[in-house]
């Protein structure tokens, strides 16, 4: 089979509750009327597989029943928060509302901000990361992914006035499988394109899951799939959002080219973006492009190069700089993952996940379901510490062991929202709207973690200061002291073998292995230098009494007069520098004299000063034995 002839699709319009309950009792999934497949007779599933389909169908039906209410509520919240931000005071907003003189902010104006933009009002790029830094692409990608939630006028203002880059185009695209109330195709996919001319880089950013869009959430929870030729099985909802064409009611296709709608009402994301991208790359032969997106936009960013490879667009793929996704859900089966790893590799695919984010953990990953992640993941915990992992903790979200840590983490995020501005400045101050989302995390912990605020904060703080940990630790050990000494010994022995042939005595291998010299000081292997005034004397000549190498304590010197302190210090210095003298003859003179005196002993007459010195030296209790006369 070619194109998308293999499929498993949920026909949600024909779901009946009794038929849905039978799904849990019968393992033959293909027997259900609301499940369509190319091979219904051989479509079976375990109880876990059927239970996951049952839950996903219930969630989709519930979201579809409240889709209109969600859109109205979201519109009211966005309008109220924009007016509040315009007046910069809640009391002024109430006063103007009561007077009926509120300012009108059109939803397509540059001053109207989306809910995602209100949770994180930061617009400027991180000026601490220069353009030459390889982390610059990650910082630019998360800002572009967050900006994709805004309307066209605001996107143009941010790109041109805040980023100082060239705005290219904005795409508001259709879904061929979904119709609105007027029997026209719904425009559920948004994207925009801009270029950084200083780095010759073109960026394509897809909009993610809108918080108040039931259609976007239904796309995430839908477990239908199609086979994309030899590339593997792919999530059906993401393929439809990117622009797959409707071959008939139950089958999709990806033709190489389609006829462009001249009226401009039906624009499909993949074909329109590919056309504009070709034109810009042909204008500049050195330019490259990257693709990014948050949430649902991350899944579309992964599928875009996959469809390019399916259409053999290798000239475009050679100029792909990288794919950067934030909070991306699972897209395809293991076969699709293997093909994407060969296509993108490690250096062109960067998937970021923050803490307990719910969306990257759906659709579920186990032996019964086919959806998987591929490549490595840049995972950030609640303290914004990043590391590279193959799979995130609690990969399927629903786990009994992880419920308590997730709720504790939700409390930590609330406390952190008050501490973060004090540590990192006012740019990280969280508003009232994000604080309310944090409180909602006490009910569903994974929802607040999906906001782009935490992803942009993670990139701004920790990745700039330290590199994430690698998955495979280094196998080379750092040299220790023992390894260094052993290396020195081996080198020393080789030198000895070259210098001394056999039969000759060799010096010791290491200086520390020599015998301890006798009558030496505290340092081993070193001779004590002779005093420059010391002279050799005959064995029967008179010997001068020398001080030992130990110095007189400072407390004892302070008790003596200053003149005697100087003399004792001189004696201590002479004892350190003069070698130890042998015993004198019995008939030699026994007067204590300084070694530093230049007057010979024969012409010297005892004076009162010298006798006092001699008496004092005998009275000194701290005088060492080495300085006493024999």
Foldseek 3Di string as FASTA:
>chain_A
DAFFQFWKFFQLVPDDPVLLVVLLVDQQNLVRPRIDGSCSRPDGFDNVVSVLQSVLSVLLVVLVVCLVVLVVVQVVVQVLVLQCVVVVHPVVVVVCVVVVNGDDDDQQALSRDHPLCQQAVDQAFQPVADPVHPLSVVRVQLNQQSLQVGHPNNSCCSVCPRVVWAWDDKDQAFFQLDADPVRHTHRPWIWGWTADVVVLEIEIEIHAQRPSHSLRVSQLSTQMWTQNGQLAIWRPSLVRQQFWHDPDNPTTGDDLDDDDDPVPRHDHNLRVVVVSVVVSCVVPVPHAYEYEHAESRLLNSLVNVVVCVSSPVVVNLVRYQAYEYELYAFIGFPSNQVVSCVSQNARHYEYEYEALAQSNLPPDDDPRGGTDHHYWYFYAYLVLATAIDRADPPSNNDDPVCPVVLLVSLVVNLVVLVVVCVVPNPSSHGDPSLNVVSVVCNVVVNRSSSRSSSVSVSSSPHVVPDPHHYPDDDPDDDDDPVNVVVVLLVVQVVVQCVVDPPPDDTDDSDQVPDDFDPQADPDGPDHQAADPLDDDDDQAEADAQAAALDADDPVVLVVDDPVVSVVSVQRNVNNRRHGQDDAYDPPYDDQHDGSVDPDDPVPDDDDPVSVVNRVVVVVDPPGDPSRHHD
